[in-house]
Amino acid sequence: MYKNKKILITGGTGSLGTALTKRLLSMDVEQIRIFSRNEFKQISMESEIYDDRLRFLIGDVRDQKRLRRAIEDVDIVFHAAALKHVPKIEYNPFEAIKTNVEGSQNVIDACLENDIERAVCIGTDKAVSPLNTYGATKLLMEKLFINAQQYSNPKKHPTKFFAVRYGNVFGSSGSVIPKFIDQIKNNQSLTITDEKMTRFSITMQQALDFILKATELGNGTEIFIPRLKSYNLEQVKNTLFDLCGTSDSKIIGIRPGEKLHETLINFDEMRSAWIYNDLYVILNEGFSSEYLQNTYPGLTKLENISTYSSDNSEKMSNDELKQTILDSNLIKK
């Protein structure tokens, strides 16, 4: 599907954008356009990944004219640009709206004007029943994307708009485990919000597999969700103590805007939740049963759970968590 395609990644210099670029380059794409506003990260990424199929475009999703030019002749758009740091966004909500909401609308408009084949936005579990401003802006991003389908030109090849939703990528920049490891290296106490706090676990490679699979399956208006295990902070603490030979920690309490547990499908979404090709998918409630059968062969209803949350999903074993940390190469021996 990706062979000979031109692809644009907004926020392409982030950890996901960089990993996605490397994977796509191995799939015989014709061109990848990296669209981001961070000049230094573009220079670093260009030095790390030298390939004449890459194009580095400085720009901000807030700039509609720049986006239109960047998306010309593109086949697939991965929209990963966002302001993401929860406490910073709580303090700067207006800026988050400009980037995460208005910026997403700009991406959609540029895709519609250029008749892009597929446009997928990268969502988050924080968009489900959002407690913080970040989650609320990402919820709006999802809503914009899954409803943009109706504005595609049916006389041409309508753009297929859909969303993918998952939790924090395991070991990604700014996430809790690298932070804990840095604290251990600096002989500091682990600052734990609440040992009972749970989060979904997905590695970068799992995230890439999921995103690319969902992009192939999407017909428009869907929200795709992976089937994930979860872990709690007490497990993380004990595993790092075992690996690093330390035992110093302190409880600092949950920060503003944080949840004790994260949810990937809430109670109300469950009536529209299905299993398709081993992924969870939330589908438009207006779809007829005939359309569902013809469009999604093998579709089965997701039943027997009231919500899909990190406190009621299958848990990682301690050995699985330990091996995942070791495989991530976050701890240098």
Protein backbone atom coordinates (compact mmCIF):
# COMPACT_ATOMS: atom_id res chain seq x y z
CA MET A 1 0.00 0.00 0.00
CA TYR A 2 2.83 2.40 0.80
CA LYS A 3 5.01 1.61 -2.19
CA ASN A 4 5.57 4.64 -4.46
CA LYS A 5 3.45 6.88 -2.21
CA LYS A 6 4.19 10.45 -1.20
CA ILE A 7 3.69 10.93 2.53
CA LEU A 8 3.56 13.96 4.81
CA ILE A 9 4.12 13.66 8.58
CA THR A 10 3.17 16.70 10.65
CA GLY A 11 5.26 16.89 13.79
CA GLY A 12 7.64 14.62 11.91
CA THR A 13 10.69 15.40 14.06
CA GLY A 14 9.10 14.01 17.22
CA SER A 15 9.91 10.53 18.54
CA LEU A 16 6.94 8.98 16.73
CA GLY A 17 7.55 10.92 13.52
CA THR A 18 11.21 9.86 13.44
CA ALA A 19 10.42 6.19 14.05
CA LEU A 20 7.57 6.27 11.50
CA THR A 21 9.89 7.83 8.93
CA LYS A 22 12.46 5.07 9.36
CA ARG A 23 9.79 2.37 8.99
CA LEU A 24 8.23 3.96 5.90
CA LEU A 25 11.60 4.35 4.20
CA SER A 26 11.95 0.57 4.39
CA MET A 27 8.61 0.18 2.55
CA ASP A 28 9.64 1.69 -0.81
CA VAL A 29 7.78 4.96 -0.47
CA GLU A 30 8.51 7.58 -3.12
CA GLN A 31 8.88 10.56 -0.80
CA ILE A 32 8.39 11.57 2.85
CA ARG A 33 7.87 15.21 3.79
CA ILE A 34 8.77 16.06 7.38
CA PHE A 35 6.72 19.06 8.47
CA SER A 36 7.66 20.64 11.79
CA ARG A 37 8.59 23.96 13.34
CA ASN A 38 11.73 22.79 15.15
CA GLU A 39 14.71 23.78 13.01
CA PHE A 40 17.31 22.13 15.26
CA LYS A 41 15.45 18.79 15.33
CA GLN A 42 15.19 18.84 11.54
CA ILE A 43 18.94 19.30 11.23
CA SER A 44 19.56 16.48 13.73
CA MET A 45 17.10 14.15 12.00
CA GLU A 46 18.57 14.92 8.58
CA SER A 47 22.02 14.01 9.90
CA GLU A 48 20.73 10.79 11.46
CA ILE A 49 18.64 9.61 8.48
CA TYR A 50 20.28 10.42 5.20
CA ASP A 51 17.94 9.50 2.35
CA ASP A 52 17.21 11.44 -0.84
CA ARG A 53 13.51 10.60 -0.49
CA LEU A 54 13.24 12.89 2.55
CA ARG A 55 12.12 16.50 2.36
CA PHE A 56 12.35 18.73 5.44
CA LEU A 57 9.79 21.53 5.56
CA ILE A 58 9.83 24.10 8.35
CA GLY A 59 6.30 25.12 9.18
CA ASP A 60 3.58 25.20 11.80
CA VAL A 61 0.15 23.58 11.53
CA ARG A 62 -1.24 26.95 12.60
CA ASP A 63 -0.10 28.32 9.21
CA GLN A 64 -2.76 27.24 6.72
CA LYS A 65 -0.99 28.60 3.62
CA ARG A 66 2.22 26.75 4.46
CA LEU A 67 0.28 23.53 5.03
CA ARG A 68 -1.46 23.81 1.67
CA ARG A 69 1.89 24.06 -0.08
CA ALA A 70 3.38 21.20 1.94
CA ILE A 71 0.49 18.82 1.17
CA GLU A 72 0.42 19.37 -2.61
CA ASP A 73 0.60 16.03 -4.50
CA VAL A 74 0.76 14.00 -1.27
CA ASP A 75 -1.06 10.64 -1.01
CA ILE A 76 -1.13 9.98 2.76
CA VAL A 77 -0.97 12.37 5.72
CA PHE A 78 -0.04 11.32 9.25
CA HIS A 79 -1.02 14.14 11.62
CA ALA A 80 1.19 13.85 14.72
CA ALA A 81 1.86 17.54 15.47
CA ALA A 82 0.58 18.64 18.87
CA LEU A 83 1.36 20.38 22.11
CA LYS A 84 1.41 17.45 24.54
CA HIS A 85 2.81 18.34 27.97
CA VAL A 86 -0.16 18.25 30.33
CA PRO A 87 0.98 20.76 33.01
CA LYS A 88 2.29 23.21 30.38
CA ILE A 89 -1.00 23.07 28.52
CA GLU A 90 -2.97 23.61 31.72
CA TYR A 91 -1.01 26.86 32.08
CA ASN A 92 -1.17 27.76 28.36
CA PRO A 93 -4.59 26.51 27.18
CA PHE A 94 -5.03 29.14 24.44
CA GLU A 95 -1.85 27.96 22.72
CA ALA A 96 -2.96 24.32 22.89
CA ILE A 97 -6.23 25.22 21.17
CA LYS A 98 -4.37 27.03 18.39
CA THR A 99 -2.15 24.03 17.69
CA ASN A 100 -4.19 20.96 18.60
CA VAL A 101 -7.62 22.13 17.44
CA GLU A 102 -7.21 24.94 14.91
CA GLY A 103 -4.04 23.31 13.57
CA SER A 104 -5.91 20.03 13.05
CA GLN A 105 -8.65 21.89 11.20
CA ASN A 106 -5.98 23.41 8.95
CA VAL A 107 -4.61 19.94 8.18
CA ILE A 108 -8.10 18.72 7.28
CA ASP A 109 -8.79 21.71 5.02
CA ALA A 110 -5.47 21.24 3.21
CA CYS A 111 -6.20 17.53 2.73
CA LEU A 112 -9.66 18.26 1.31
CA GLU A 113 -8.32 20.89 -1.08
CA ASN A 114 -5.66 18.50 -2.38
CA ASP A 115 -7.82 15.32 -2.53
CA ILE A 116 -5.47 13.34 -0.31
CA GLU A 117 -6.11 9.57 -0.31
CA ARG A 118 -5.88 9.00 3.45
CA ALA A 119 -5.43 11.24 6.48
CA VAL A 120 -4.94 9.76 9.94
CA CYS A 121 -4.61 11.70 13.19
CA ILE A 122 -2.61 10.35 16.11
CA GLY A 123 -4.82 10.38 19.20
CA THR A 124 -4.37 9.60 22.87
CA ASP A 125 -6.17 7.88 25.72
CA LYS A 126 -6.33 11.29 27.42
CA ALA A 127 -8.99 12.27 24.86
CA VAL A 128 -11.43 9.80 26.44
CA SER A 129 -13.65 11.49 29.04
CA PRO A 130 -10.96 14.19 29.27
CA LEU A 131 -9.95 15.62 32.62
CA ASN A 132 -7.28 18.01 31.35
CA THR A 133 -7.05 20.61 28.59
CA TYR A 134 -4.70 18.46 26.54
CA GLY A 135 -7.22 15.62 26.47
CA ALA A 136 -10.04 18.00 25.57
CA THR A 137 -8.09 19.40 22.60
CA LYS A 138 -7.24 15.91 21.38
CA LEU A 139 -10.88 14.87 21.70
CA LEU A 140 -11.81 17.78 19.44
CA MET A 141 -9.07 16.73 17.02
CA GLU A 142 -10.61 13.25 16.81
CA LYS A 143 -14.09 14.68 16.29
CA LEU A 144 -12.85 16.94 13.50
CA PHE A 145 -11.13 14.09 11.69
CA ILE A 146 -13.84 11.46 11.88
CA ASN A 147 -16.47 13.97 10.75
CA ALA A 148 -14.36 15.46 7.95
CA GLN A 149 -15.35 12.53 5.73
CA GLN A 150 -18.67 14.13 4.83
CA TYR A 151 -16.86 17.09 3.24
CA SER A 152 -14.84 14.97 0.80
CA ASN A 153 -15.77 15.35 -2.86
CA PRO A 154 -17.71 12.18 -3.82
CA LYS A 155 -17.21 12.92 -7.53
CA LYS A 156 -13.46 12.48 -7.14
CA HIS A 157 -11.61 10.14 -4.81
CA PRO A 158 -12.85 11.21 -1.37
CA THR A 159 -10.24 11.50 1.33
CA LYS A 160 -10.54 8.81 4.00
CA PHE A 161 -10.24 10.52 7.38
CA PHE A 162 -9.87 8.47 10.56
CA ALA A 163 -8.12 8.40 13.93
CA VAL A 164 -5.87 6.09 15.91
CA ARG A 165 -5.93 6.21 19.69
CA TYR A 166 -3.45 4.71 22.15
CA GLY A 167 -1.58 5.53 25.37
CA ASN A 168 1.92 6.84 26.00
CA VAL A 169 4.64 5.08 24.05
CA PHE A 170 6.75 3.06 26.46
CA GLY A 171 10.03 4.82 27.20
CA SER A 172 9.33 7.80 24.92
CA SER A 173 10.81 11.21 25.65
CA GLY A 174 9.14 12.82 28.65
CA SER A 175 7.45 9.62 29.84
CA VAL A 176 7.74 8.31 33.38
CA ILE A 177 10.26 5.47 33.01
CA PRO A 178 13.08 7.53 31.40
CA LYS A 179 12.40 10.17 34.06
CA PHE A 180 12.77 7.59 36.85
CA ILE A 181 15.97 6.23 35.30
CA ASP A 182 17.44 9.75 35.14
CA GLN A 183 16.56 10.25 38.80
CA ILE A 184 18.35 7.01 39.69
CA LYS A 185 21.43 8.04 37.68
CA ASN A 186 21.50 11.36 39.55
CA ASN A 187 21.10 9.67 42.96
CA GLN A 188 17.67 11.24 43.44
CA SER A 189 14.53 9.72 44.93
CA LEU A 190 11.93 8.40 42.50
CA THR A 191 9.07 10.91 42.53
CA ILE A 192 5.99 8.73 42.37
CA THR A 193 2.56 10.31 42.05
CA ASP A 194 0.58 7.28 43.25
CA GLU A 195 1.72 3.66 43.29
CA LYS A 196 -1.77 2.53 42.27
CA MET A 197 -1.69 4.67 39.10
CA THR A 198 -2.02 2.51 35.99
CA ARG A 199 -1.13 3.15 32.37
CA PHE A 200 -1.38 1.24 29.11
CA SER A 201 1.86 -0.14 27.71
CA ILE A 202 2.79 0.14 24.04
CA THR A 203 6.30 0.08 22.64
CA MET A 204 7.33 2.24 19.70
CA GLN A 205 7.46 -0.76 17.37
CA GLN A 206 4.00 -1.87 18.49
CA ALA A 207 2.72 1.67 17.91
CA LEU A 208 4.15 1.71 14.38
CA ASP A 209 2.66 -1.71 13.57
CA PHE A 210 -0.70 -0.53 14.85
CA ILE A 211 -0.71 2.82 13.01
CA LEU A 212 0.30 1.31 9.68
CA LYS A 213 -2.22 -1.54 9.99
CA ALA A 214 -5.03 0.87 10.89
CA THR A 215 -4.09 3.13 7.97
CA GLU A 216 -4.46 0.20 5.59
CA LEU A 217 -7.80 -0.88 7.08
CA GLY A 218 -9.43 2.54 7.40
CA ASN A 219 -12.41 3.40 5.21
CA GLY A 220 -13.14 6.72 6.90
CA THR A 221 -14.76 7.91 10.17
CA GLU A 222 -13.24 5.14 12.33
CA ILE A 223 -11.31 5.40 15.57
CA PHE A 224 -8.86 2.48 15.78
CA ILE A 225 -7.55 1.29 19.16
CA PRO A 226 -4.95 -1.42 19.89
CA ARG A 227 -5.42 -4.28 22.32
CA LEU A 228 -2.94 -3.51 25.10
CA LYS A 229 -1.80 -4.66 28.51
CA SER A 230 -1.27 -2.23 31.38
CA TYR A 231 1.04 -1.76 34.35
CA ASN A 232 1.05 0.23 37.59
CA LEU A 233 3.68 2.53 39.08
CA GLU A 234 4.41 0.17 41.96
CA GLN A 235 5.48 -2.44 39.38
CA VAL A 236 7.68 0.13 37.65
CA LYS A 237 9.28 1.18 40.96
CA ASN A 238 10.03 -2.38 42.06
CA THR A 239 11.34 -3.40 38.64
CA LEU A 240 13.71 -0.42 38.45
CA PHE A 241 14.88 -1.06 42.01
CA ASP A 242 15.64 -4.65 40.99
CA LEU A 243 17.49 -3.60 37.83
CA CYS A 244 19.36 -0.61 39.24
CA GLY A 245 20.00 -1.65 42.82
CA THR A 246 18.37 1.30 44.52
CA SER A 247 15.36 1.66 46.81
CA ASP A 248 14.69 5.34 47.40
CA SER A 249 11.32 6.85 46.46
CA LYS A 250 8.79 9.38 47.65
CA ILE A 251 5.10 9.99 46.94
CA ILE A 252 4.40 13.46 45.53
CA GLY A 253 0.69 13.12 44.67
CA ILE A 254 -1.16 13.32 41.37
CA ARG A 255 -0.46 16.48 39.36
CA PRO A 256 -3.23 18.79 38.10
CA GLY A 257 -5.02 17.27 35.13
CA GLU A 258 -3.75 13.72 35.71
CA LYS A 259 -5.96 10.66 36.09
CA LEU A 260 -5.32 7.68 38.33
CA HIS A 261 -6.27 5.39 35.43
CA GLU A 262 -6.53 6.02 31.70
CA THR A 263 -9.37 4.83 29.45
CA LEU A 264 -9.20 3.92 25.77
CA ILE A 265 -12.93 3.22 25.30
CA ASN A 266 -15.44 4.68 27.74
CA PHE A 267 -18.84 3.35 28.75
CA ASP A 268 -20.81 5.32 26.16
CA GLU A 269 -18.44 4.43 23.31
CA MET A 270 -18.83 0.72 24.04
CA ARG A 271 -22.12 0.49 22.16
CA SER A 272 -20.22 1.47 18.99
CA ALA A 273 -17.10 -0.61 19.70
CA TRP A 274 -16.17 -3.64 17.63
CA ILE A 275 -13.30 -6.06 17.02
CA TYR A 276 -11.88 -5.96 13.50
CA ASN A 277 -8.68 -7.65 12.32
CA ASP A 278 -7.58 -8.04 15.95
CA LEU A 279 -7.99 -4.31 16.61
CA TYR A 280 -10.70 -2.49 18.50
CA VAL A 281 -12.58 0.04 16.39
CA ILE A 282 -15.29 2.59 17.16
CA LEU A 283 -17.66 2.93 14.21
CA ASN A 284 -20.33 5.42 13.25
CA GLU A 285 -23.60 4.43 14.93
CA GLY A 286 -25.47 5.45 11.78
CA PHE A 287 -23.90 2.68 9.69
CA SER A 288 -26.39 0.03 8.58
CA SER A 289 -25.77 -3.62 9.37
CA GLU A 290 -25.49 -4.28 5.63
CA TYR A 291 -22.76 -1.63 5.27
CA LEU A 292 -20.89 -3.04 8.26
CA GLN A 293 -20.98 -6.59 6.88
CA ASN A 294 -19.83 -5.51 3.42
CA THR A 295 -17.15 -3.07 4.55
CA TYR A 296 -15.67 -4.86 7.56
CA PRO A 297 -15.58 -8.63 6.91
CA GLY A 298 -15.27 -10.65 10.10
CA LEU A 299 -16.44 -7.76 12.30
CA THR A 300 -17.58 -8.85 15.77
CA LYS A 301 -19.12 -6.85 18.61
CA LEU A 302 -16.92 -5.97 21.57
CA GLU A 303 -18.77 -7.33 24.57
CA ASN A 304 -18.31 -8.46 28.18
CA ILE A 305 -16.54 -5.28 29.33
CA SER A 306 -18.15 -1.98 30.33
CA THR A 307 -15.06 0.16 29.65
CA TYR A 308 -11.59 -0.49 28.27
CA SER A 309 -9.44 1.07 30.95
CA SER A 310 -5.91 0.61 32.30
CA ASP A 311 -7.30 -0.59 35.64
CA ASN A 312 -9.44 -3.36 34.14
CA SER A 313 -7.34 -4.45 31.14
CA GLU A 314 -4.97 -7.41 31.16
CA LYS A 315 -1.92 -6.63 33.29
CA MET A 316 1.71 -7.06 32.30
CA SER A 317 3.56 -9.55 34.47
CA ASN A 318 6.59 -8.33 36.37
CA ASP A 319 8.81 -10.38 34.06
CA GLU A 320 7.18 -8.83 30.97
CA LEU A 321 7.69 -5.34 32.34
CA LYS A 322 11.31 -6.08 33.21
CA GLN A 323 12.04 -7.48 29.75
CA THR A 324 10.31 -4.53 28.06
CA ILE A 325 12.49 -2.10 30.01
CA LEU A 326 15.62 -4.04 29.08
CA ASP A 327 14.60 -4.27 25.41
CA SER A 328 14.04 -0.50 25.31
CA ASN A 329 17.77 0.06 26.01
CA LEU A 330 16.90 2.78 28.51
CA ILE A 331 19.28 1.25 31.06
CA LYS A 332 22.87 1.26 29.91
CA LYS A 333 24.99 -1.46 31.43
